[in-house]
C-alpha cells in the first residue's frame, strides 16, 4: 500500500510540473503583451490546464489504484447478489440498485441508526458507487459525499446534493475485510468512517474474483 501512495505522489507531482511547463510560452512573450492580453492568456491557460488535470488525474488513479481479484470468478449476477446481501444484515450500511450501479451508504432512514448518527452529530454521509464492467470483470469504485442534517429521526432528515471528495485511498479496515464480517459487530463497534463501507465492499469484490479500480467518474 505504501508503494501505491508513493506512486500517486510522484505521478501527481510530475503532472503538476508538466502543466506548469506549458505556462512557459506565455511567460516568454510576456513583454509583448499588454496587461489585459496577458491576463486573458493566463486565464485561458488556467482553464485548459484544469480541464486537462481532471481527466488525467482520473486516469492515474485508475492505473495506480488497481486491485486484482483473488477468488474464483463469479458471474455479474452472483457478484451483485453477494453485495446486495448486506441488506439482510443488521448493520448501518445498505445497498441500492440505481440504473447499472450499486450504491452503498449509511442507513439514515432506520430509527436505530438515524438516532445514533444524530447523537454523534454526523454531518457528512459517505456513498460508495460501484460501476461494473463485465467484459474485464472490473468494478470501478467512486467516492461521493452528501451533507446531512438529522433534525427529527427518521421523519426529517435533510440530505444534500452529491459532491465529489478527494479519493478515499485509506480504504482497508481490519475489522471489516468483507461484507460477512458486519454480522459480528455491534452498534458501538462502528466509527462510521468511509472505510467501514469501502473496505468490506472492496474485499468482497476481490474474493469473488473481480478486479477493482478506484475512479473519479
Protein backbone atom coordinates (compact mmCIF):
# COMPACT_ATOMS: atom_id res chain seq x y z
CA UNK A 1 0.00 0.00 0.00
CA UNK A 2 2.88 2.37 0.77
CA UNK A 3 4.13 1.80 -2.77
CA UNK A 4 0.79 2.97 -4.18
CA UNK A 5 0.91 6.15 -2.09
CA UNK A 6 4.42 6.88 -3.31
CA UNK A 7 3.43 6.23 -6.94
CA UNK A 8 0.43 8.54 -6.53
CA UNK A 9 2.57 11.33 -5.07
CA UNK A 10 5.21 11.06 -7.81
CA UNK A 11 2.57 10.89 -10.57
CA UNK A 12 0.69 13.96 -9.30
CA UNK A 13 3.91 15.91 -8.81
CA UNK A 14 5.02 15.05 -12.35
CA UNK A 15 1.62 16.04 -13.70
CA UNK A 16 1.73 19.42 -11.94
CA UNK A 17 5.23 20.08 -13.23
CA UNK A 18 4.14 19.22 -16.77
CA UNK A 19 1.22 21.62 -16.51
CA UNK A 20 3.46 24.42 -15.20
CA UNK A 21 5.87 23.88 -18.09
CA UNK A 22 3.04 24.66 -20.51
CA UNK A 23 2.88 28.13 -18.95
CA UNK A 24 6.42 28.89 -20.15
CA UNK A 25 5.46 30.11 -23.68
CA UNK A 26 3.11 32.70 -22.19
CA UNK A 27 5.83 33.95 -19.85
CA UNK A 28 8.30 34.13 -22.73
CA UNK A 29 6.07 36.51 -24.68
CA UNK A 30 5.02 38.42 -21.55
CA UNK A 31 6.89 41.57 -22.64
CA UNK A 32 4.98 41.66 -25.93
CA UNK A 33 1.55 41.52 -24.31
CA UNK A 34 -0.29 44.35 -22.64
CA UNK A 35 -1.91 43.83 -19.26
CA UNK A 36 -5.40 42.71 -20.39
CA UNK A 37 -3.99 40.40 -23.09
CA UNK A 38 -1.61 38.75 -20.62
CA UNK A 39 -4.39 38.30 -18.06
CA UNK A 40 -6.63 36.74 -20.71
CA UNK A 41 -3.85 34.39 -21.81
CA UNK A 42 -3.20 33.25 -18.24
CA UNK A 43 -6.92 32.72 -17.61
CA UNK A 44 -7.26 30.63 -20.76
CA UNK A 45 -4.19 28.62 -19.77
CA UNK A 46 -5.60 28.02 -16.28
CA UNK A 47 -8.95 26.88 -17.69
CA UNK A 48 -7.34 24.48 -20.16
CA UNK A 49 -4.95 23.19 -17.51
CA UNK A 50 -7.84 22.46 -15.16
CA UNK A 51 -9.77 20.69 -17.91
CA UNK A 52 -6.73 18.53 -18.59
CA UNK A 53 -5.85 17.87 -14.94
CA UNK A 54 -9.19 16.32 -14.00
CA UNK A 55 -9.35 13.52 -16.60
CA UNK A 56 -5.61 12.80 -16.45
CA UNK A 57 -5.78 12.58 -12.64
CA UNK A 58 -8.68 10.16 -13.03
CA UNK A 59 -6.64 8.01 -15.39
CA UNK A 60 -3.70 7.96 -12.98
CA UNK A 61 -5.99 6.99 -10.11
CA UNK A 62 -7.43 4.06 -12.07
CA UNK A 63 -3.98 2.87 -13.15
CA UNK A 64 -2.24 3.06 -9.77
CA UNK A 65 -5.13 2.01 -7.53
CA UNK A 66 -5.90 -1.27 -9.24
CA UNK A 67 -6.53 -4.46 -7.27
CA UNK A 68 -6.66 -7.87 -8.94
CA UNK A 69 -9.33 -10.35 -7.91
CA UNK A 70 -8.18 -13.24 -5.77
CA UNK A 71 -11.12 -15.67 -5.66
CA UNK A 72 -12.82 -17.91 -8.19
CA UNK A 73 -14.55 -15.66 -10.78
CA UNK A 74 -18.27 -15.18 -10.13
CA UNK A 75 -20.82 -14.07 -12.69
CA UNK A 76 -22.04 -10.48 -12.63
CA UNK A 77 -25.36 -11.61 -11.18
CA UNK A 78 -23.67 -13.66 -8.47
CA UNK A 79 -21.40 -10.77 -7.52
CA UNK A 80 -24.27 -8.31 -7.27
CA UNK A 81 -26.33 -10.75 -5.21
CA UNK A 82 -23.36 -11.19 -2.87
CA UNK A 83 -23.05 -7.43 -2.45
CA UNK A 84 -26.79 -6.87 -2.02
CA UNK A 85 -26.82 -9.48 0.76
CA UNK A 86 -25.72 -6.66 3.06
CA UNK A 87 -29.35 -5.52 3.17
CA UNK A 88 -30.26 -8.66 5.13
CA UNK A 89 -27.64 -7.97 7.81
CA UNK A 90 -28.29 -5.91 10.93
CA UNK A 91 -25.71 -3.24 10.21
CA UNK A 92 -25.68 0.51 9.46
CA UNK A 93 -24.90 0.06 5.76
CA UNK A 94 -27.34 -0.61 2.93
CA UNK A 95 -27.04 -1.13 -0.83
CA UNK A 96 -29.41 0.04 -3.53
CA UNK A 97 -29.51 -0.51 -7.28
CA UNK A 98 -29.61 2.66 -9.38
CA UNK A 99 -29.51 2.23 -13.12
CA UNK A 100 -26.49 -0.02 -13.68
CA UNK A 101 -24.73 0.85 -10.43
CA UNK A 102 -24.84 -0.30 -6.83
CA UNK A 103 -24.71 2.44 -4.21
CA UNK A 104 -23.65 1.75 -0.63
CA UNK A 105 -24.34 4.26 2.12
CA UNK A 106 -25.46 4.57 5.74
CA UNK A 107 -29.00 3.59 6.76
CA UNK A 108 -30.28 7.02 7.65
CA UNK A 109 -33.97 6.07 7.34
CA UNK A 110 -33.87 3.39 10.03
CA UNK A 111 -34.61 4.74 13.50
CA UNK A 112 -31.87 2.83 15.31
CA UNK A 113 -29.08 4.13 13.11
CA UNK A 114 -30.58 7.54 12.43
CA UNK A 115 -30.69 8.34 16.14
CA UNK A 116 -27.11 7.17 16.52
CA UNK A 117 -25.97 9.43 13.68
CA UNK A 118 -27.84 12.30 15.32
CA UNK A 119 -26.22 11.71 18.74
CA UNK A 120 -22.79 11.55 17.10
CA UNK A 121 -23.55 14.79 15.22
CA UNK A 122 -22.73 13.25 11.84
CA UNK A 123 -22.73 15.97 9.17
CA UNK A 124 -21.35 14.17 6.13
CA UNK A 125 -22.67 10.94 4.65
CA UNK A 126 -20.36 8.81 2.58
CA UNK A 127 -21.57 6.97 -0.52
CA UNK A 128 -19.71 4.31 -2.47
CA UNK A 129 -20.81 3.96 -6.10
CA UNK A 130 -19.95 0.70 -7.85
CA UNK A 131 -19.86 0.60 -11.66
CA UNK A 132 -19.47 -2.81 -13.28
CA UNK A 133 -17.55 -3.77 -16.43
CA UNK A 134 -18.49 -7.38 -17.16
CA UNK A 135 -16.10 -7.65 -20.13
CA UNK A 136 -13.00 -7.13 -17.98
CA UNK A 137 -14.55 -8.36 -14.70
CA UNK A 138 -13.71 -5.00 -13.13
CA UNK A 139 -15.66 -2.90 -10.65
CA UNK A 140 -14.95 0.84 -10.55
CA UNK A 141 -15.36 2.34 -7.06
CA UNK A 142 -16.34 6.01 -6.89
CA UNK A 143 -16.37 8.03 -3.65
CA UNK A 144 -19.17 10.51 -3.09
CA UNK A 145 -20.28 12.69 -0.15
CA UNK A 146 -23.60 14.29 0.88
CA UNK A 147 -24.14 16.81 3.67
CA UNK A 148 -26.77 15.73 6.19
CA UNK A 149 -28.86 17.26 8.95
CA UNK A 150 -30.69 14.91 11.33
CA UNK A 151 -33.49 17.17 12.54
CA UNK A 152 -36.04 14.57 13.67
CA UNK A 153 -35.25 10.89 13.10
CA UNK A 154 -36.16 9.41 10.78
CA UNK A 155 -39.01 11.63 9.53
CA UNK A 156 -36.99 14.81 8.97
CA UNK A 157 -33.52 14.07 7.70
CA UNK A 158 -32.14 16.58 5.23
CA UNK A 159 -29.74 15.04 2.73
CA UNK A 160 -27.77 17.40 0.49
CA UNK A 161 -26.75 17.05 -3.13
CA UNK A 162 -23.97 14.75 -4.28
CA UNK A 163 -20.39 16.00 -4.02
CA UNK A 164 -17.11 14.59 -5.28
CA UNK A 165 -14.49 14.47 -2.49
CA UNK A 166 -10.82 13.60 -2.71
CA UNK A 167 -10.48 9.87 -3.41
CA UNK A 168 -10.58 7.65 -0.33
CA UNK A 169 -7.27 5.81 -0.60
CA UNK A 170 -7.02 4.60 3.01
CA UNK A 171 -9.76 2.06 2.47
CA UNK A 172 -8.64 -1.02 4.40
CA UNK A 173 -10.27 -1.88 7.73
CA UNK A 174 -9.01 -4.70 9.95
CA UNK A 175 -12.43 -5.41 11.42
CA UNK A 176 -14.31 -5.26 8.12
CA UNK A 177 -12.46 -7.08 5.37
CA UNK A 178 -15.62 -8.45 3.72
CA UNK A 179 -19.38 -7.92 3.98
CA UNK A 180 -19.76 -11.15 6.00
CA UNK A 181 -17.99 -9.55 8.97
CA UNK A 182 -20.74 -6.97 9.51
CA UNK A 183 -22.79 -9.61 11.33
CA UNK A 184 -20.19 -9.88 14.10
CA UNK A 185 -20.22 -6.19 15.05
CA UNK A 186 -22.42 -4.31 17.50
CA UNK A 187 -23.59 -0.69 17.04
CA UNK A 188 -20.94 0.63 19.42
CA UNK A 189 -18.20 -1.06 17.37
CA UNK A 190 -18.55 1.36 14.45
CA UNK A 191 -16.63 4.58 13.97
CA UNK A 192 -18.84 5.48 10.97
CA UNK A 193 -15.83 6.20 8.81
CA UNK A 194 -15.97 5.81 4.99
CA UNK A 195 -13.54 2.89 5.10
CA UNK A 196 -16.16 0.88 7.04
CA UNK A 197 -18.14 0.85 3.81
CA UNK A 198 -15.37 0.76 1.22
CA UNK A 199 -13.19 -1.92 2.86
CA UNK A 200 -15.78 -4.73 3.08
CA UNK A 201 -17.15 -3.94 -0.38
CA UNK A 202 -13.64 -3.97 -1.83
CA UNK A 203 -12.76 -7.24 -0.07
CA UNK A 204 -15.98 -8.94 -1.16
CA UNK A 205 -15.49 -7.97 -4.80
CA UNK A 206 -11.92 -9.27 -4.82
CA UNK A 207 -12.98 -12.52 -3.12
CA UNK A 208 -15.48 -13.02 -5.97
CA UNK A 209 -12.65 -12.97 -8.49
CA UNK A 210 -13.36 -9.50 -9.87
CA UNK A 211 -10.81 -6.71 -10.19
CA UNK A 212 -11.24 -3.28 -8.61
CA UNK A 213 -10.18 0.15 -9.79
CA UNK A 214 -10.63 3.36 -7.84
CA UNK A 215 -12.09 6.07 -10.06
CA UNK A 216 -13.20 9.71 -10.01
CA UNK A 217 -16.02 9.32 -12.52
